[in-house]
């Protein structure tokens, strides 16, 4: 009986610890959901040099589901449409996104074989993706907050 009670408390405790719906056994599951860009960061010599908040109605949203990612951006000062779709995975603290297709302006910048690799820093309801330069130093980043 005592063993059964201990098992119940263990299961209840584990449920409480994961009640935010995150499945930490599957690294990619931590990103499942909808995220909005909070700010961007610029780095010099690997050190944070500037933080740029969203201004004048600028919005960027990313959605992650079952290994797929889609993002869209709205900048009222830019008449171009910006969006992209592809696959993603999380491995060893890195987020890797592979673009499959995107809006015309985005396709003019990159092609569909483009792979984006970011250092991933997770918070409870936020994450930061940081692009590294060729020497492995932080170059620029984006911070997102969970909206769903």
N, C-alpha and C. Protein backbone atom coordinates (compact mmCIF):
# COMPACT_ATOMS: atom_id res chain seq x y z
N UNK A 1 0.82 -1.19 0.00
CA UNK A 1 0.00 0.00 0.00
C UNK A 1 0.86 1.26 0.00
N UNK A 2 1.92 1.24 0.84
CA UNK A 2 2.81 2.38 0.93
C UNK A 2 3.50 2.61 -0.43
N UNK A 3 3.88 1.54 -1.10
CA UNK A 3 4.52 1.64 -2.41
C UNK A 3 3.55 2.22 -3.43
N UNK A 4 2.30 1.81 -3.38
CA UNK A 4 1.29 2.32 -4.29
C UNK A 4 1.09 3.83 -4.08
N UNK A 5 1.06 4.27 -2.82
CA UNK A 5 0.89 5.69 -2.53
C UNK A 5 2.09 6.48 -3.04
N UNK A 6 3.29 5.95 -2.86
CA UNK A 6 4.49 6.63 -3.34
C UNK A 6 4.46 6.76 -4.87
N UNK A 7 4.01 5.71 -5.54
CA UNK A 7 3.90 5.74 -6.99
C UNK A 7 2.90 6.80 -7.43
N UNK A 8 1.77 6.89 -6.74
CA UNK A 8 0.75 7.91 -7.06
C UNK A 8 1.31 9.31 -6.91
N UNK A 9 2.03 9.56 -5.81
CA UNK A 9 2.63 10.89 -5.59
C UNK A 9 3.66 11.21 -6.67
N UNK A 10 4.43 10.19 -7.06
CA UNK A 10 5.43 10.39 -8.11
C UNK A 10 4.76 10.78 -9.42
N UNK A 11 3.71 10.05 -9.81
CA UNK A 11 2.99 10.33 -11.06
C UNK A 11 2.35 11.70 -11.01
N UNK A 12 1.73 12.04 -9.86
CA UNK A 12 1.10 13.36 -9.73
C UNK A 12 2.15 14.46 -9.82
N UNK A 13 3.29 14.26 -9.19
CA UNK A 13 4.36 15.24 -9.24
C UNK A 13 4.90 15.43 -10.64
N UNK A 14 5.09 14.33 -11.35
CA UNK A 14 5.57 14.41 -12.73
C UNK A 14 4.56 15.13 -13.61
N UNK A 15 3.28 14.89 -13.36
CA UNK A 15 2.23 15.56 -14.13
C UNK A 15 2.26 17.06 -13.86
N UNK A 16 2.43 17.44 -12.62
CA UNK A 16 2.50 18.86 -12.29
C UNK A 16 3.72 19.52 -12.93
N UNK A 17 4.84 18.82 -12.96
CA UNK A 17 6.04 19.39 -13.53
C UNK A 17 5.93 19.57 -15.04
N UNK A 18 5.08 18.78 -15.70
CA UNK A 18 4.94 18.89 -17.14
C UNK A 18 3.56 19.41 -17.52
N UNK A 19 2.88 20.08 -16.61
CA UNK A 19 1.51 20.53 -16.88
C UNK A 19 1.45 21.65 -17.91
N UNK A 20 2.62 22.21 -18.30
CA UNK A 20 2.60 23.24 -19.33
C UNK A 20 2.44 22.64 -20.72
N UNK A 21 2.35 21.31 -20.81
CA UNK A 21 2.12 20.65 -22.08
C UNK A 21 3.38 20.36 -22.87
N UNK A 22 4.54 20.68 -22.33
CA UNK A 22 5.78 20.44 -23.05
C UNK A 22 6.23 19.00 -22.86
N UNK A 23 6.59 18.35 -23.93
CA UNK A 23 7.13 17.00 -23.88
C UNK A 23 8.64 17.12 -24.05
N UNK A 24 9.36 17.09 -22.95
CA UNK A 24 10.80 17.30 -23.01
C UNK A 24 11.54 16.05 -23.48
N UNK A 25 10.85 14.91 -23.60
CA UNK A 25 11.50 13.71 -24.14
C UNK A 25 11.77 13.87 -25.63
N UNK A 26 11.00 14.66 -26.30
CA UNK A 26 11.13 14.91 -27.73
C UNK A 26 11.55 16.37 -27.90
N UNK A 27 12.83 16.66 -28.20
CA UNK A 27 13.30 18.04 -28.22
C UNK A 27 12.49 18.98 -29.10
N UNK A 28 12.04 18.52 -30.27
CA UNK A 28 11.29 19.40 -31.16
C UNK A 28 9.93 19.79 -30.58
N UNK A 29 9.40 18.97 -29.67
CA UNK A 29 8.08 19.24 -29.09
C UNK A 29 8.09 20.52 -28.25
N UNK A 30 9.23 20.95 -27.76
CA UNK A 30 9.27 22.15 -26.93
C UNK A 30 8.88 23.39 -27.72
N UNK A 31 8.98 23.34 -29.03
CA UNK A 31 8.62 24.49 -29.86
C UNK A 31 7.20 24.42 -30.42
N UNK A 32 6.52 23.29 -30.23
CA UNK A 32 5.16 23.15 -30.76
C UNK A 32 4.31 24.33 -30.29
N UNK A 33 3.67 25.04 -31.23
CA UNK A 33 2.80 26.16 -30.88
C UNK A 33 3.04 27.36 -31.76
N UNK A 34 2.51 28.49 -31.31
CA UNK A 34 2.57 29.74 -32.06
C UNK A 34 3.38 30.75 -31.26
N UNK A 35 4.31 31.42 -31.91
CA UNK A 35 5.25 32.33 -31.27
C UNK A 35 5.27 33.66 -32.00
N UNK A 36 5.42 34.75 -31.24
CA UNK A 36 5.51 36.08 -31.85
C UNK A 36 6.85 36.71 -31.50
N UNK A 37 7.45 37.33 -32.51
CA UNK A 37 8.73 38.01 -32.32
C UNK A 37 8.56 39.16 -31.33
N UNK A 38 9.41 39.17 -30.32
CA UNK A 38 9.38 40.23 -29.31
C UNK A 38 10.43 41.30 -29.62
N UNK A 39 11.62 40.88 -30.02
CA UNK A 39 12.68 41.82 -30.38
C UNK A 39 13.78 41.08 -31.13
N UNK A 40 14.69 41.86 -31.68
CA UNK A 40 15.86 41.32 -32.37
C UNK A 40 17.11 41.84 -31.66
N UNK A 41 18.19 41.07 -31.77
CA UNK A 41 19.43 41.47 -31.14
C UNK A 41 20.56 41.46 -32.17
N UNK A 42 21.48 42.38 -31.98
CA UNK A 42 22.69 42.43 -32.78
C UNK A 42 23.87 42.19 -31.84
N UNK A 43 24.85 41.44 -32.32
CA UNK A 43 26.03 41.12 -31.52
C UNK A 43 27.28 41.63 -32.24
N UNK A 44 28.25 42.07 -31.45
CA UNK A 44 29.57 42.42 -31.96
C UNK A 44 30.59 41.63 -31.16
N UNK A 45 31.46 40.93 -31.86
CA UNK A 45 32.46 40.07 -31.21
C UNK A 45 31.81 39.09 -30.24
N UNK A 46 30.63 38.58 -30.61
CA UNK A 46 29.93 37.60 -29.79
C UNK A 46 29.18 38.17 -28.60
N UNK A 47 29.26 39.49 -28.40
CA UNK A 47 28.61 40.14 -27.25
C UNK A 47 27.42 40.96 -27.73
N UNK A 48 26.34 40.96 -26.95
CA UNK A 48 25.15 41.74 -27.28
C UNK A 48 25.51 43.21 -27.38
N UNK A 49 25.21 43.83 -28.52
CA UNK A 49 25.53 45.24 -28.71
C UNK A 49 24.29 46.11 -28.84
N UNK A 50 23.18 45.50 -29.33
CA UNK A 50 21.97 46.30 -29.53
C UNK A 50 20.74 45.40 -29.51
N UNK A 51 19.67 45.89 -28.88
CA UNK A 51 18.39 45.17 -28.88
C UNK A 51 17.38 46.06 -29.60
N UNK A 52 16.73 45.49 -30.61
CA UNK A 52 15.81 46.25 -31.45
C UNK A 52 14.37 45.80 -31.22
N UNK A 53 13.55 46.64 -30.58
CA UNK A 53 12.14 46.26 -30.38
C UNK A 53 11.36 46.39 -31.68
N UNK A 54 10.22 45.72 -31.76
CA UNK A 54 9.33 45.88 -32.91
C UNK A 54 8.75 47.28 -32.85
N UNK A 55 8.66 47.94 -34.00
CA UNK A 55 8.14 49.30 -34.04
C UNK A 55 7.13 49.47 -35.16
N UNK A 56 6.24 50.43 -34.99
CA UNK A 56 5.32 50.88 -36.04
C UNK A 56 4.47 49.76 -36.63
N UNK A 57 3.99 48.85 -35.79
CA UNK A 57 3.10 47.79 -36.26
C UNK A 57 3.77 46.57 -36.84
N UNK A 58 5.10 46.49 -36.78
CA UNK A 58 5.83 45.34 -37.29
C UNK A 58 5.48 44.10 -36.47
N UNK A 59 5.12 43.01 -37.15
CA UNK A 59 4.83 41.74 -36.46
C UNK A 59 5.42 40.60 -37.25
N UNK A 60 5.93 39.62 -36.51
CA UNK A 60 6.41 38.38 -37.12
C UNK A 60 5.95 37.23 -36.24
N UNK A 61 5.36 36.22 -36.86
CA UNK A 61 4.81 35.08 -36.13
C UNK A 61 5.37 33.80 -36.75
N UNK A 62 5.73 32.85 -35.88
CA UNK A 62 6.19 31.53 -36.32
C UNK A 62 5.29 30.48 -35.70
N UNK A 63 4.99 29.45 -36.48
CA UNK A 63 4.17 28.34 -36.02
C UNK A 63 4.94 27.04 -36.24
N UNK A 64 5.04 26.25 -35.17
CA UNK A 64 5.73 24.96 -35.23
C UNK A 64 4.73 23.85 -34.94
N UNK A 65 4.71 22.83 -35.79
CA UNK A 65 3.81 21.69 -35.58
C UNK A 65 4.34 20.46 -36.31
N UNK A 66 4.56 19.38 -35.56
CA UNK A 66 4.91 18.08 -36.11
C UNK A 66 6.06 18.13 -37.13
N UNK A 67 7.12 18.84 -36.77
CA UNK A 67 8.29 18.92 -37.63
C UNK A 67 8.19 19.93 -38.75
N UNK A 68 7.10 20.68 -38.80
CA UNK A 68 6.91 21.71 -39.83
C UNK A 68 6.95 23.09 -39.18
N UNK A 69 7.44 24.07 -39.93
CA UNK A 69 7.48 25.45 -39.46
C UNK A 69 6.93 26.36 -40.55
N UNK A 70 6.20 27.37 -40.14
CA UNK A 70 5.72 28.40 -41.06
C UNK A 70 5.88 29.73 -40.36
N UNK A 71 6.32 30.72 -41.08
CA UNK A 71 6.45 32.05 -40.50
C UNK A 71 5.87 33.07 -41.46
N UNK A 72 5.43 34.16 -40.88
CA UNK A 72 4.91 35.28 -41.67
C UNK A 72 5.31 36.57 -40.98
N UNK A 73 5.48 37.58 -41.78
CA UNK A 73 5.90 38.88 -41.25
C UNK A 73 5.05 39.97 -41.88
N UNK A 74 4.65 40.94 -41.08
CA UNK A 74 3.92 42.10 -41.58
C UNK A 74 4.67 43.35 -41.13
N UNK A 75 5.11 44.10 -42.12
CA UNK A 75 5.78 45.37 -41.86
C UNK A 75 5.00 46.43 -42.63
N UNK A 76 4.22 47.27 -41.93
CA UNK A 76 3.41 48.27 -42.63
C UNK A 76 4.20 49.20 -43.54
N UNK A 77 5.50 49.34 -43.30
CA UNK A 77 6.31 50.22 -44.15
C UNK A 77 6.85 49.49 -45.39
N UNK A 78 6.52 48.20 -45.55
CA UNK A 78 7.01 47.40 -46.67
C UNK A 78 5.82 46.76 -47.37
N UNK A 79 5.64 47.02 -48.65
CA UNK A 79 4.48 46.48 -49.37
C UNK A 79 4.67 45.02 -49.81
N UNK A 80 5.87 44.47 -49.63
CA UNK A 80 6.12 43.07 -49.98
C UNK A 80 5.45 42.13 -48.99
N UNK A 81 5.09 40.94 -49.51
CA UNK A 81 4.61 39.87 -48.63
C UNK A 81 5.81 39.03 -48.21
N UNK A 82 5.87 38.69 -46.92
CA UNK A 82 6.97 37.90 -46.39
C UNK A 82 6.41 36.70 -45.66
N UNK A 83 6.72 35.50 -46.16
CA UNK A 83 6.36 34.27 -45.46
C UNK A 83 7.25 33.15 -45.96
N UNK A 84 7.29 32.09 -45.17
CA UNK A 84 8.06 30.92 -45.56
C UNK A 84 7.51 29.68 -44.88
N UNK A 85 7.83 28.53 -45.44
CA UNK A 85 7.36 27.24 -44.94
C UNK A 85 8.47 26.22 -45.12
N UNK A 86 8.57 25.31 -44.17
CA UNK A 86 9.56 24.26 -44.30
C UNK A 86 9.51 23.28 -43.15
N UNK A 87 10.62 22.63 -42.90
CA UNK A 87 10.72 21.65 -41.83
C UNK A 87 11.69 22.17 -40.77
N UNK A 88 11.61 21.57 -39.59
CA UNK A 88 12.53 21.95 -38.53
C UNK A 88 12.84 20.76 -37.65
N UNK A 89 13.96 20.88 -36.94
CA UNK A 89 14.29 19.91 -35.91
C UNK A 89 15.13 20.62 -34.86
N UNK A 90 15.10 20.07 -33.66
CA UNK A 90 15.89 20.59 -32.55
C UNK A 90 16.84 19.47 -32.14
N UNK A 91 18.14 19.78 -32.16
CA UNK A 91 19.15 18.80 -31.81
C UNK A 91 20.30 19.46 -31.07
N UNK A 92 20.65 18.91 -29.92
CA UNK A 92 21.83 19.37 -29.17
C UNK A 92 21.88 20.88 -28.96
N UNK A 93 20.73 21.48 -28.63
CA UNK A 93 20.69 22.91 -28.34
C UNK A 93 20.65 23.80 -29.58
N UNK A 94 20.40 23.20 -30.74
CA UNK A 94 20.31 23.98 -31.97
C UNK A 94 18.97 23.75 -32.66
N UNK A 95 18.44 24.81 -33.24
CA UNK A 95 17.24 24.76 -34.06
C UNK A 95 17.70 24.82 -35.51
N UNK A 96 17.25 23.83 -36.31
CA UNK A 96 17.61 23.78 -37.72
C UNK A 96 16.31 23.84 -38.53
N UNK A 97 16.20 24.86 -39.37
CA UNK A 97 15.03 25.03 -40.23
C UNK A 97 15.47 24.93 -41.69
N UNK A 98 14.70 24.17 -42.47
CA UNK A 98 14.99 24.04 -43.91
C UNK A 98 13.82 24.62 -44.68
N UNK A 99 14.08 25.66 -45.44
CA UNK A 99 13.06 26.34 -46.21
C UNK A 99 12.65 25.48 -47.41
N UNK A 100 11.33 25.25 -47.56
CA UNK A 100 10.81 24.50 -48.71
C UNK A 100 10.23 25.43 -49.75
N UNK A 101 9.48 26.44 -49.32
CA UNK A 101 9.02 27.48 -50.23
C UNK A 101 8.74 28.74 -49.44
N UNK A 102 8.66 29.86 -50.18
CA UNK A 102 8.48 31.15 -49.51
C UNK A 102 7.91 32.15 -50.50
N UNK A 103 7.60 33.33 -49.99
CA UNK A 103 7.09 34.40 -50.83
C UNK A 103 8.18 34.85 -51.81
N UNK A 104 7.75 35.53 -52.86
CA UNK A 104 8.68 35.99 -53.90
C UNK A 104 9.86 36.78 -53.37
N UNK A 105 9.63 37.80 -52.52
CA UNK A 105 10.77 38.57 -52.01
C UNK A 105 11.76 37.70 -51.22
N UNK A 106 11.25 36.73 -50.47
CA UNK A 106 12.13 35.86 -49.71
C UNK A 106 12.91 34.95 -50.66
N UNK A 107 12.26 34.46 -51.70
CA UNK A 107 12.92 33.58 -52.66
C UNK A 107 14.01 34.33 -53.44
N UNK A 108 13.88 35.66 -53.56
CA UNK A 108 14.92 36.44 -54.20
C UNK A 108 16.18 36.51 -53.34
N UNK A 109 16.03 36.30 -52.04
CA UNK A 109 17.16 36.36 -51.12
C UNK A 109 17.82 35.00 -50.96
N UNK A 110 16.99 33.94 -50.81
CA UNK A 110 17.51 32.58 -50.61
C UNK A 110 16.80 31.63 -51.54
N UNK A 111 17.28 30.39 -51.62
CA UNK A 111 16.58 29.38 -52.41
C UNK A 111 16.01 28.31 -51.47
N UNK A 112 15.27 27.37 -52.03
CA UNK A 112 14.57 26.39 -51.20
C UNK A 112 15.48 25.35 -50.59
N UNK A 113 16.74 25.35 -50.93
CA UNK A 113 17.66 24.43 -50.27
C UNK A 113 18.32 25.09 -49.06
N UNK A 114 17.93 26.31 -48.77
CA UNK A 114 18.53 27.06 -47.66
C UNK A 114 18.23 26.39 -46.32
N UNK A 115 19.28 26.17 -45.55
CA UNK A 115 19.13 25.62 -44.21
C UNK A 115 19.59 26.69 -43.23
N UNK A 116 18.75 26.98 -42.26
CA UNK A 116 19.06 27.97 -41.23
C UNK A 116 19.34 27.22 -39.93
N UNK A 117 20.49 27.49 -39.34
CA UNK A 117 20.89 26.82 -38.09
C UNK A 117 21.10 27.89 -37.03
N UNK A 118 20.39 27.72 -35.90
CA UNK A 118 20.43 28.70 -34.83
C UNK A 118 20.76 28.03 -33.50
N UNK A 119 21.50 28.72 -32.66
CA UNK A 119 21.61 28.33 -31.26
C UNK A 119 20.22 28.57 -30.66
N UNK A 120 19.72 27.63 -29.87
CA UNK A 120 18.38 27.74 -29.30
C UNK A 120 18.48 27.88 -27.78
N UNK A 121 17.87 28.96 -27.27
CA UNK A 121 17.83 29.20 -25.83
C UNK A 121 16.36 29.22 -25.44
N UNK A 122 15.93 28.22 -24.66
CA UNK A 122 14.51 28.08 -24.29
C UNK A 122 14.23 28.68 -22.92
N UNK A 123 13.07 29.34 -22.81
CA UNK A 123 12.53 29.79 -21.54
C UNK A 123 11.22 29.06 -21.32
N UNK A 124 10.51 29.37 -20.25
CA UNK A 124 9.24 28.71 -19.96
C UNK A 124 8.21 28.98 -21.06
N UNK A 125 8.07 30.22 -21.48
CA UNK A 125 7.14 30.60 -22.54
C UNK A 125 7.80 31.55 -23.53
N UNK A 126 9.07 31.33 -23.75
CA UNK A 126 9.82 32.16 -24.68
C UNK A 126 10.98 31.35 -25.24
N UNK A 127 11.52 31.81 -26.34
CA UNK A 127 12.75 31.23 -26.84
C UNK A 127 13.51 32.27 -27.63
N UNK A 128 14.79 32.03 -27.77
CA UNK A 128 15.66 32.90 -28.55
C UNK A 128 16.39 32.03 -29.56
N UNK A 129 16.42 32.48 -30.81
CA UNK A 129 17.20 31.81 -31.83
C UNK A 129 18.34 32.76 -32.21
N UNK A 130 19.56 32.23 -32.17
CA UNK A 130 20.74 33.07 -32.38
C UNK A 130 21.56 32.52 -33.53
N UNK A 131 21.79 33.36 -34.51
CA UNK A 131 22.60 32.95 -35.66
C UNK A 131 24.07 33.16 -35.29
N UNK A 132 24.88 32.16 -35.62
CA UNK A 132 26.31 32.23 -35.34
C UNK A 132 27.07 32.55 -36.62
N UNK A 133 28.19 33.27 -36.48
CA UNK A 133 29.01 33.56 -37.65
C UNK A 133 29.91 32.36 -37.96
N UNK A 134 30.75 32.49 -38.98
CA UNK A 134 31.59 31.38 -39.41
C UNK A 134 32.60 30.93 -38.35
N UNK A 135 32.86 31.80 -37.36
CA UNK A 135 33.77 31.44 -36.27
C UNK A 135 33.05 30.90 -35.04
N UNK A 136 31.72 30.79 -35.14
CA UNK A 136 30.94 30.28 -34.02
C UNK A 136 30.54 31.33 -33.00
N UNK A 137 30.76 32.61 -33.31
CA UNK A 137 30.36 33.70 -32.43
C UNK A 137 28.94 34.13 -32.73
N UNK A 138 28.22 34.56 -31.70
CA UNK A 138 26.87 35.08 -31.90
C UNK A 138 26.91 36.31 -32.80
N UNK A 139 26.02 36.35 -33.80
CA UNK A 139 25.99 37.45 -34.76
C UNK A 139 24.70 38.26 -34.65
N UNK A 140 23.56 37.56 -34.67
CA UNK A 140 22.26 38.23 -34.52
C UNK A 140 21.26 37.23 -33.98
N UNK A 141 20.23 37.76 -33.33
CA UNK A 141 19.25 36.87 -32.71
C UNK A 141 17.85 37.44 -32.77
N UNK A 142 16.90 36.56 -32.48
CA UNK A 142 15.49 36.95 -32.38
C UNK A 142 14.92 36.30 -31.13
N UNK A 143 14.13 37.06 -30.38
CA UNK A 143 13.46 36.55 -29.18
C UNK A 143 11.96 36.47 -29.46
N UNK A 144 11.37 35.32 -29.11
CA UNK A 144 9.95 35.08 -29.34
C UNK A 144 9.26 34.77 -28.02
N UNK A 145 7.98 35.12 -27.96
CA UNK A 145 7.14 34.74 -26.82
C UNK A 145 6.01 33.87 -27.34
N UNK A 146 5.60 32.90 -26.52
CA UNK A 146 4.53 31.98 -26.90
C UNK A 146 3.20 32.74 -26.85
N UNK A 147 2.42 32.66 -27.93
CA UNK A 147 1.08 33.26 -27.92
C UNK A 147 0.00 32.19 -27.98
N UNK A 148 0.38 30.95 -28.23
CA UNK A 148 -0.57 29.83 -28.14
C UNK A 148 0.19 28.53 -28.03
